[in-house]
């Protein structure tokens, strides 16, 4: 679950809905050879479905017992986070092994900071095995872009996360820079050929309060009015380096 603060409320967006938004953005991507990529549909599928393993946790959100706050995808218990990716990868592997390999690669990248953590070693071993098993089922000619094709999943995920969270600090990745101002997300250099892509994702509005239990949160979510987070993403002129944050 993505949790976005909103004055006295919280806006909750499911991970699968965030992934679907990422897929719609990348479907409009005109750069990096994606429009004519021979595996374009497989790449877009990976972007759209990369968080499908979160379907079950998002259907039964949990509360941090210490604070009473809803737990988002960053703070979910370790066993929940580790179970998401094998489940999601397995759902793609049968019919779409290249997409499955990309999702497994994404999991390895997302949690790379835990590489030296003993509690994560089995996770990394399992996801590396899943990634290789999926790749082994893809004819060599169809994986000529590996691992560079992963950039499309990385970018789609980042763009959607920035918008869904409402993050206003600049972000940089894969030679692009992102900046959200209001409801408009600008990307430099322009990957959309001068076009503008509408953004819309469903959310649920719940009170920003301490929740007594998981059931308390789940009831609030069931009663929550739906809202749409709407905006647009468009290309922009390159951002000057002095607008980017510096370390230290």
C-alpha atoms as a PDB file:
ATOM      1  CA  UNK A   1       0.000   0.000   0.000  1.00  0.00           C
ATOM      2  CA  UNK A   2       1.154   3.512  -0.827  1.00  0.00           C
ATOM      3  CA  UNK A   3       0.186   6.056   1.829  1.00  0.00           C
ATOM      4  CA  UNK A   4       0.034   9.735   0.920  1.00  0.00           C
ATOM      5  CA  UNK A   5      -0.608  12.309   3.682  1.00  0.00           C
ATOM      6  CA  UNK A   6      -3.388  14.797   2.871  1.00  0.00           C
ATOM      7  CA  UNK A   7      -4.000  17.446   5.583  1.00  0.00           C
ATOM      8  CA  UNK A   8      -6.164  15.547   8.134  1.00  0.00           C
ATOM      9  CA  UNK A   9      -6.444  12.376   6.070  1.00  0.00           C
ATOM     10  CA  UNK A  10      -4.407   9.670   4.428  1.00  0.00           C
ATOM     11  CA  UNK A  11      -4.820   8.658   0.789  1.00  0.00           C
ATOM     12  CA  UNK A  12      -4.202   4.951   0.252  1.00  0.00           C
ATOM     13  CA  UNK A  13      -3.266   3.621  -3.188  1.00  0.00           C
ATOM     14  CA  UNK A  14      -2.818  -0.082  -3.791  1.00  0.00           C
ATOM     15  CA  UNK A  15       0.411  -1.321  -5.293  1.00  0.00           C
ATOM     16  CA  UNK A  16      -1.353  -2.968  -8.274  1.00  0.00           C
ATOM     17  CA  UNK A  17      -3.110   0.331  -9.050  1.00  0.00           C
ATOM     18  CA  UNK A  18       0.205   2.172  -8.863  1.00  0.00           C
ATOM     19  CA  UNK A  19       1.722  -0.415 -11.235  1.00  0.00           C
ATOM     20  CA  UNK A  20      -1.146  -0.002 -13.699  1.00  0.00           C
ATOM     21  CA  UNK A  21      -0.459   3.739 -13.734  1.00  0.00           C
ATOM     22  CA  UNK A  22       3.217   3.034 -14.392  1.00  0.00           C
ATOM     23  CA  UNK A  23       2.191   0.876 -17.336  1.00  0.00           C
ATOM     24  CA  UNK A  24       0.024   3.609 -18.843  1.00  0.00           C
ATOM     25  CA  UNK A  25       2.906   6.069 -18.654  1.00  0.00           C
ATOM     26  CA  UNK A  26       5.345   3.714 -20.341  1.00  0.00           C
ATOM     27  CA  UNK A  27       2.786   2.893 -23.036  1.00  0.00           C
ATOM     28  CA  UNK A  28       3.126   6.557 -24.099  1.00  0.00           C
ATOM     29  CA  UNK A  29       6.952   6.523 -23.923  1.00  0.00           C
ATOM     30  CA  UNK A  30       8.483   7.534 -27.253  1.00  0.00           C
ATOM     31  CA  UNK A  31      12.166   7.394 -26.324  1.00  0.00           C
ATOM     32  CA  UNK A  32      14.904   4.776 -25.929  1.00  0.00           C
ATOM     33  CA  UNK A  33      13.631   2.633 -28.781  1.00  0.00           C
ATOM     34  CA  UNK A  34      10.570   1.463 -26.855  1.00  0.00           C
ATOM     35  CA  UNK A  35       7.938   2.129 -29.575  1.00  0.00           C
ATOM     36  CA  UNK A  36       9.666  -0.231 -32.020  1.00  0.00           C
ATOM     37  CA  UNK A  37      11.140  -2.645 -29.451  1.00  0.00           C
ATOM     38  CA  UNK A  38      10.372  -6.233 -30.534  1.00  0.00           C
ATOM     39  CA  UNK A  39       9.469  -7.111 -26.938  1.00  0.00           C
ATOM     40  CA  UNK A  40       7.493  -3.930 -26.261  1.00  0.00           C
ATOM     41  CA  UNK A  41       4.328  -5.728 -25.164  1.00  0.00           C
ATOM     42  CA  UNK A  42       6.277  -7.975 -22.820  1.00  0.00           C
ATOM     43  CA  UNK A  43       8.067  -4.967 -21.334  1.00  0.00           C
ATOM     44  CA  UNK A  44       4.801  -3.099 -20.804  1.00  0.00           C
ATOM     45  CA  UNK A  45       3.286  -6.188 -19.206  1.00  0.00           C
ATOM     46  CA  UNK A  46       6.173  -6.344 -16.746  1.00  0.00           C
ATOM     47  CA  UNK A  47       5.616  -2.691 -15.830  1.00  0.00           C
ATOM     48  CA  UNK A  48       1.832  -3.091 -15.417  1.00  0.00           C
ATOM     49  CA  UNK A  49       2.078  -6.281 -13.371  1.00  0.00           C
ATOM     50  CA  UNK A  50       5.277  -5.782 -11.400  1.00  0.00           C
ATOM     51  CA  UNK A  51       3.437  -5.319  -8.085  1.00  0.00           C
ATOM     52  CA  UNK A  52       0.814  -8.042  -8.530  1.00  0.00           C
ATOM     53  CA  UNK A  53       2.307  -9.921  -5.592  1.00  0.00           C
ATOM     54  CA  UNK A  54       1.087  -7.101  -3.336  1.00  0.00           C
ATOM     55  CA  UNK A  55      -2.539  -7.926  -4.143  1.00  0.00           C
ATOM     56  CA  UNK A  56      -3.041 -10.028  -1.005  1.00  0.00           C
ATOM     57  CA  UNK A  57      -1.297  -7.702   1.509  1.00  0.00           C
ATOM     58  CA  UNK A  58      -3.114  -4.668   0.099  1.00  0.00           C
ATOM     59  CA  UNK A  59      -6.445  -6.446   0.503  1.00  0.00           C
ATOM     60  CA  UNK A  60      -5.704  -6.899   4.227  1.00  0.00           C
ATOM     61  CA  UNK A  61      -3.667  -3.859   5.354  1.00  0.00           C
ATOM     62  CA  UNK A  62      -1.963  -3.895   8.725  1.00  0.00           C
ATOM     63  CA  UNK A  63      -1.215  -1.443  11.490  1.00  0.00           C
ATOM     64  CA  UNK A  64       2.114  -0.790  13.171  1.00  0.00           C
ATOM     65  CA  UNK A  65       1.374  -1.971  16.723  1.00  0.00           C
ATOM     66  CA  UNK A  66       3.773   0.599  18.189  1.00  0.00           C
ATOM     67  CA  UNK A  67       2.236   3.656  16.537  1.00  0.00           C
ATOM     68  CA  UNK A  68      -1.215   2.612  15.383  1.00  0.00           C
ATOM     69  CA  UNK A  69      -0.377   3.952  11.911  1.00  0.00           C
ATOM     70  CA  UNK A  70      -1.143   2.024   8.729  1.00  0.00           C
ATOM     71  CA  UNK A  71       1.915   0.238   7.368  1.00  0.00           C
ATOM     72  CA  UNK A  72       2.908   1.106   3.820  1.00  0.00           C
ATOM     73  CA  UNK A  73       4.932  -0.992   1.397  1.00  0.00           C
ATOM     74  CA  UNK A  74       8.166   0.407   2.808  1.00  0.00           C
ATOM     75  CA  UNK A  75       7.356  -0.483   6.416  1.00  0.00           C
ATOM     76  CA  UNK A  76       5.486  -3.756   5.976  1.00  0.00           C
ATOM     77  CA  UNK A  77       6.929  -6.665   7.966  1.00  0.00           C
ATOM     78  CA  UNK A  78       9.957  -8.300   6.399  1.00  0.00           C
ATOM     79  CA  UNK A  79       8.191 -11.608   5.824  1.00  0.00           C
ATOM     80  CA  UNK A  80       5.415  -9.807   3.922  1.00  0.00           C
ATOM     81  CA  UNK A  81       7.865  -7.946   1.689  1.00  0.00           C
ATOM     82  CA  UNK A  82       9.881 -11.062   1.012  1.00  0.00           C
ATOM     83  CA  UNK A  83       6.808 -13.102   0.064  1.00  0.00           C
ATOM     84  CA  UNK A  84       5.483 -10.543  -2.425  1.00  0.00           C
ATOM     85  CA  UNK A  85       8.086 -11.041  -5.128  1.00  0.00           C
ATOM     86  CA  UNK A  86       8.229 -14.831  -5.495  1.00  0.00           C
ATOM     87  CA  UNK A  87       4.430 -14.782  -5.680  1.00  0.00           C
ATOM     88  CA  UNK A  88       4.292 -12.031  -8.279  1.00  0.00           C
ATOM     89  CA  UNK A  89       7.077 -13.521 -10.381  1.00  0.00           C
ATOM     90  CA  UNK A  90       5.459 -16.959 -10.361  1.00  0.00           C
ATOM     91  CA  UNK A  91       2.210 -15.509 -11.693  1.00  0.00           C
ATOM     92  CA  UNK A  92       4.008 -14.265 -14.796  1.00  0.00           C
ATOM     93  CA  UNK A  93       6.543 -17.033 -15.306  1.00  0.00           C
ATOM     94  CA  UNK A  94       4.276 -19.567 -17.008  1.00  0.00           C
ATOM     95  CA  UNK A  95       3.098 -17.518 -19.986  1.00  0.00           C
ATOM     96  CA  UNK A  96       5.466 -14.540 -19.832  1.00  0.00           C
ATOM     97  CA  UNK A  97       8.933 -15.607 -18.690  1.00  0.00           C
ATOM     98  CA  UNK A  98      10.691 -12.460 -19.938  1.00  0.00           C
ATOM     99  CA  UNK A  99       8.306 -10.267 -17.948  1.00  0.00           C
ATOM    100  CA  UNK A 100       8.838 -12.546 -14.946  1.00  0.00           C
ATOM    101  CA  UNK A 101      12.613 -12.166 -15.246  1.00  0.00           C
ATOM    102  CA  UNK A 102      12.261  -8.381 -15.314  1.00  0.00           C
ATOM    103  CA  UNK A 103      10.084  -8.412 -12.189  1.00  0.00           C
ATOM    104  CA  UNK A 104      12.555 -10.678 -10.382  1.00  0.00           C
ATOM    105  CA  UNK A 105      15.355  -8.310 -11.408  1.00  0.00           C
ATOM    106  CA  UNK A 106      13.304  -5.425 -10.034  1.00  0.00           C
ATOM    107  CA  UNK A 107      12.958  -7.171  -6.676  1.00  0.00           C
ATOM    108  CA  UNK A 108      16.720  -7.677  -6.509  1.00  0.00           C
ATOM    109  CA  UNK A 109      17.271  -4.010  -7.294  1.00  0.00           C
ATOM    110  CA  UNK A 110      14.622  -2.654  -4.900  1.00  0.00           C
ATOM    111  CA  UNK A 111      16.096  -4.479  -1.913  1.00  0.00           C
ATOM    112  CA  UNK A 112      19.778  -4.308  -2.849  1.00  0.00           C
ATOM    113  CA  UNK A 113      20.505  -2.356   0.353  1.00  0.00           C
ATOM    114  CA  UNK A 114      19.823  -5.588   2.286  1.00  0.00           C
ATOM    115  CA  UNK A 115      22.458  -7.623   0.401  1.00  0.00           C
ATOM    116  CA  UNK A 116      24.629  -8.043   3.474  1.00  0.00           C
ATOM    117  CA  UNK A 117      21.726  -8.724   5.866  1.00  0.00           C
ATOM    118  CA  UNK A 118      21.587 -12.362   6.966  1.00  0.00           C
ATOM    119  CA  UNK A 119      17.800 -12.243   7.188  1.00  0.00           C
ATOM    120  CA  UNK A 120      17.619 -11.496   3.449  1.00  0.00           C
ATOM    121  CA  UNK A 121      20.059 -14.063   2.083  1.00  0.00           C
ATOM    122  CA  UNK A 122      17.422 -16.688   1.305  1.00  0.00           C
ATOM    123  CA  UNK A 123      15.335 -14.039  -0.450  1.00  0.00           C
ATOM    124  CA  UNK A 124      18.162 -12.992  -2.746  1.00  0.00           C
ATOM    125  CA  UNK A 125      19.096 -16.590  -3.522  1.00  0.00           C
ATOM    126  CA  UNK A 126      15.498 -17.411  -4.355  1.00  0.00           C
ATOM    127  CA  UNK A 127      14.943 -14.373  -6.555  1.00  0.00           C
ATOM    128  CA  UNK A 128      18.216 -14.918  -8.426  1.00  0.00           C
ATOM    129  CA  UNK A 129      17.126 -18.507  -9.083  1.00  0.00           C
ATOM    130  CA  UNK A 130      13.688 -17.321 -10.245  1.00  0.00           C
ATOM    131  CA  UNK A 131      15.241 -14.708 -12.514  1.00  0.00           C
ATOM    132  CA  UNK A 132      17.591 -17.197 -14.159  1.00  0.00           C
ATOM    133  CA  UNK A 133      14.904 -19.871 -14.486  1.00  0.00           C
ATOM    134  CA  UNK A 134      12.647 -17.379 -16.270  1.00  0.00           C
ATOM    135  CA  UNK A 135      15.441 -16.196 -18.559  1.00  0.00           C
ATOM    136  CA  UNK A 136      16.334 -19.779 -19.455  1.00  0.00           C
ATOM    137  CA  UNK A 137      12.845 -20.157 -20.917  1.00  0.00           C
ATOM    138  CA  UNK A 138      13.250 -17.136 -23.213  1.00  0.00           C
ATOM    139  CA  UNK A 139      14.896 -17.775 -26.608  1.00  0.00           C
ATOM    140  CA  UNK A 140      18.214 -15.905 -26.848  1.00  0.00           C
ATOM    141  CA  UNK A 141      16.970 -13.736 -29.701  1.00  0.00           C
ATOM    142  CA  UNK A 142      14.105 -12.491 -27.533  1.00  0.00           C
ATOM    143  CA  UNK A 143      16.340 -11.437 -24.670  1.00  0.00           C
ATOM    144  CA  UNK A 144      18.898  -9.521 -26.686  1.00  0.00           C
ATOM    145  CA  UNK A 145      18.089  -6.406 -24.654  1.00  0.00           C
ATOM    146  CA  UNK A 146      18.754  -8.035 -21.284  1.00  0.00           C
ATOM    147  CA  UNK A 147      19.479  -6.549 -18.754  1.00  0.00           C
ATOM    148  CA  UNK A 148      19.145  -3.055 -20.275  1.00  0.00           C
ATOM    149  CA  UNK A 149      15.414  -3.537 -20.847  1.00  0.00           C
ATOM    150  CA  UNK A 150      14.982  -3.297 -17.092  1.00  0.00           C
ATOM    151  CA  UNK A 151      15.264   0.503 -17.383  1.00  0.00           C
ATOM    152  CA  UNK A 152      11.692   0.687 -18.637  1.00  0.00           C
ATOM    153  CA  UNK A 153      10.366  -1.010 -15.511  1.00  0.00           C
ATOM    154  CA  UNK A 154      12.600   1.113 -13.294  1.00  0.00           C
ATOM    155  CA  UNK A 155      11.443   4.361 -14.904  1.00  0.00           C
ATOM    156  CA  UNK A 156       7.760   3.463 -14.960  1.00  0.00           C
ATOM    157  CA  UNK A 157       7.871   2.482 -11.304  1.00  0.00           C
ATOM    158  CA  UNK A 158       9.709   5.657 -10.285  1.00  0.00           C
ATOM    159  CA  UNK A 159       7.401   7.984 -12.236  1.00  0.00           C
ATOM    160  CA  UNK A 160       4.282   6.425 -10.733  1.00  0.00           C
ATOM    161  CA  UNK A 161       5.716   6.378  -7.216  1.00  0.00           C
ATOM    162  CA  UNK A 162       6.611  10.067  -7.377  1.00  0.00           C
ATOM    163  CA  UNK A 163       3.097  10.967  -8.503  1.00  0.00           C
ATOM    164  CA  UNK A 164       1.219   8.629  -6.149  1.00  0.00           C
ATOM    165  CA  UNK A 165       3.228   9.775  -3.133  1.00  0.00           C
ATOM    166  CA  UNK A 166       3.189  13.437  -4.126  1.00  0.00           C
ATOM    167  CA  UNK A 167       6.968  13.662  -3.703  1.00  0.00           C
ATOM    168  CA  UNK A 168       8.134  17.141  -4.676  1.00  0.00           C
ATOM    169  CA  UNK A 169      11.889  16.692  -4.450  1.00  0.00           C
ATOM    170  CA  UNK A 170      13.694  16.075  -7.757  1.00  0.00           C
ATOM    171  CA  UNK A 171      14.627  12.517  -8.702  1.00  0.00           C
ATOM    172  CA  UNK A 172      17.199  11.251 -11.157  1.00  0.00           C
ATOM    173  CA  UNK A 173      17.618   7.874 -12.846  1.00  0.00           C
ATOM    174  CA  UNK A 174      18.505   6.285 -16.187  1.00  0.00           C
ATOM    175  CA  UNK A 175      19.622   9.714 -17.496  1.00  0.00           C
ATOM    176  CA  UNK A 176      16.254  11.334 -16.728  1.00  0.00           C
ATOM    177  CA  UNK A 177      15.288  13.907 -14.144  1.00  0.00           C
ATOM    178  CA  UNK A 178      11.840  14.093 -12.600  1.00  0.00           C
ATOM    179  CA  UNK A 179      10.149  16.997 -10.818  1.00  0.00           C
ATOM    180  CA  UNK A 180       6.570  17.112  -9.536  1.00  0.00           C
ATOM    181  CA  UNK A 181       5.013  20.555  -9.210  1.00  0.00           C
ATOM    182  CA  UNK A 182       1.410  20.550  -8.097  1.00  0.00           C
ATOM    183  CA  UNK A 183      -0.205  17.795 -10.122  1.00  0.00           C
ATOM    184  CA  UNK A 184       2.170  18.028 -13.085  1.00  0.00           C
ATOM    185  CA  UNK A 185       5.211  15.798 -13.309  1.00  0.00           C
ATOM    186  CA  UNK A 186       7.939  16.980 -15.678  1.00  0.00           C
ATOM    187  CA  UNK A 187      10.620  14.698 -17.098  1.00  0.00           C
ATOM    188  CA  UNK A 188      13.789  15.893 -18.757  1.00  0.00           C
ATOM    189  CA  UNK A 189      14.797  15.217 -21.424  1.00  0.00           C
ATOM    190  CA  UNK A 190      11.346  14.850 -22.987  1.00  0.00           C
ATOM    191  CA  UNK A 191      10.503  11.145 -23.567  1.00  0.00           C
ATOM    192  CA  UNK A 192       7.009  11.801 -24.946  1.00  0.00           C
ATOM    193  CA  UNK A 193       7.785  13.563 -28.222  1.00  0.00           C
ATOM    194  CA  UNK A 194       6.162  16.790 -27.100  1.00  0.00           C
ATOM    195  CA  UNK A 195       2.998  15.115 -25.842  1.00  0.00           C
ATOM    196  CA  UNK A 196       1.367  15.159 -22.424  1.00  0.00           C
ATOM    197  CA  UNK A 197       0.110  12.018 -20.690  1.00  0.00           C
ATOM    198  CA  UNK A 198      -2.840  12.171 -18.277  1.00  0.00           C
ATOM    199  CA  UNK A 199      -2.337  10.557 -14.886  1.00  0.00           C
ATOM    200  CA  UNK A 200      -5.174   9.087 -12.840  1.00  0.00           C
ATOM    201  CA  UNK A 201      -5.086   6.558 -10.040  1.00  0.00           C
ATOM    202  CA  UNK A 202      -7.755   5.458  -7.570  1.00  0.00           C
ATOM    203  CA  UNK A 203      -7.229   6.058  -3.861  1.00  0.00           C
ATOM    204  CA  UNK A 204      -9.165   5.650  -0.632  1.00  0.00           C
ATOM    205  CA  UNK A 205      -9.342   8.450   1.938  1.00  0.00           C
ATOM    206  CA  UNK A 206      -9.081   7.397   5.591  1.00  0.00           C
ATOM    207  CA  UNK A 207      -8.625   9.525   8.722  1.00  0.00           C
ATOM    208  CA  UNK A 208      -5.064  10.194   9.845  1.00  0.00           C
ATOM    209  CA  UNK A 209      -5.506   8.744  13.338  1.00  0.00           C
ATOM    210  CA  UNK A 210      -4.230   5.962  15.531  1.00  0.00           C
ATOM    211  CA  UNK A 211      -5.873   2.664  14.609  1.00  0.00           C
ATOM    212  CA  UNK A 212      -6.594   0.224  17.413  1.00  0.00           C
ATOM    213  CA  UNK A 213      -6.069  -2.889  15.319  1.00  0.00           C
ATOM    214  CA  UNK A 214      -5.781  -4.268  11.792  1.00  0.00           C
ATOM    215  CA  UNK A 215      -9.547  -4.789  11.823  1.00  0.00           C
ATOM    216  CA  UNK A 216     -10.086  -1.153  12.784  1.00  0.00           C
ATOM    217  CA  UNK A 217      -8.041  -0.022   9.782  1.00  0.00           C
ATOM    218  CA  UNK A 218      -9.710  -2.492   7.430  1.00  0.00           C
ATOM    219  CA  UNK A 219     -13.159  -1.293   8.449  1.00  0.00           C
ATOM    220  CA  UNK A 220     -12.109   2.323   7.910  1.00  0.00           C
ATOM    221  CA  UNK A 221     -10.803   1.384   4.485  1.00  0.00           C
ATOM    222  CA  UNK A 222     -14.028  -0.444   3.620  1.00  0.00           C
ATOM    223  CA  UNK A 223     -16.015   2.661   4.611  1.00  0.00           C
ATOM    224  CA  UNK A 224     -13.639   5.087   2.908  1.00  0.00           C
ATOM    225  CA  UNK A 225     -14.890   7.239   0.032  1.00  0.00           C
ATOM    226  CA  UNK A 226     -12.997   6.645  -3.211  1.00  0.00           C
ATOM    227  CA  UNK A 227     -11.115   9.532  -4.765  1.00  0.00           C
ATOM    228  CA  UNK A 228      -9.090   9.943  -7.945  1.00  0.00           C
ATOM    229  CA  UNK A 229      -5.618  11.428  -7.911  1.00  0.00           C
ATOM    230  CA  UNK A 230      -5.331  13.188 -11.258  1.00  0.00           C
ATOM    231  CA  UNK A 231      -2.605  15.084 -13.013  1.00  0.00           C
ATOM    232  CA  UNK A 232      -0.319  14.855 -16.021  1.00  0.00           C
ATOM    233  CA  UNK A 233       3.224  13.978 -16.983  1.00  0.00           C
ATOM    234  CA  UNK A 234       5.064  15.783 -19.747  1.00  0.00           C
ATOM    235  CA  UNK A 235       8.521  16.374 -21.086  1.00  0.00           C
ATOM    236  CA  UNK A 236      10.561  19.376 -20.024  1.00  0.00           C
ATOM    237  CA  UNK A 237      13.730  21.166 -20.928  1.00  0.00           C
ATOM    238  CA  UNK A 238      16.822  19.734 -19.212  1.00  0.00           C
ATOM    239  CA  UNK A 239      17.027  20.802 -15.559  1.00  0.00           C
ATOM    240  CA  UNK A 240      20.112  22.792 -14.578  1.00  0.00           C
ATOM    241  CA  UNK A 241      22.432  20.931 -12.236  1.00  0.00           C
ATOM    242  CA  UNK A 242      22.143  23.632  -9.572  1.00  0.00           C
ATOM    243  CA  UNK A 243      18.474  22.691  -9.096  1.00  0.00           C
ATOM    244  CA  UNK A 244      19.410  19.197  -8.009  1.00  0.00           C
ATOM    245  CA  UNK A 245      20.125  18.414  -4.332  1.00  0.00           C
ATOM    246  CA  UNK A 246      23.740  17.889  -3.380  1.00  0.00           C
ATOM    247  CA  UNK A 247      25.176  15.456  -0.866  1.00  0.00           C
ATOM    248  CA  UNK A 248      26.311  16.582   2.545  1.00  0.00           C
END
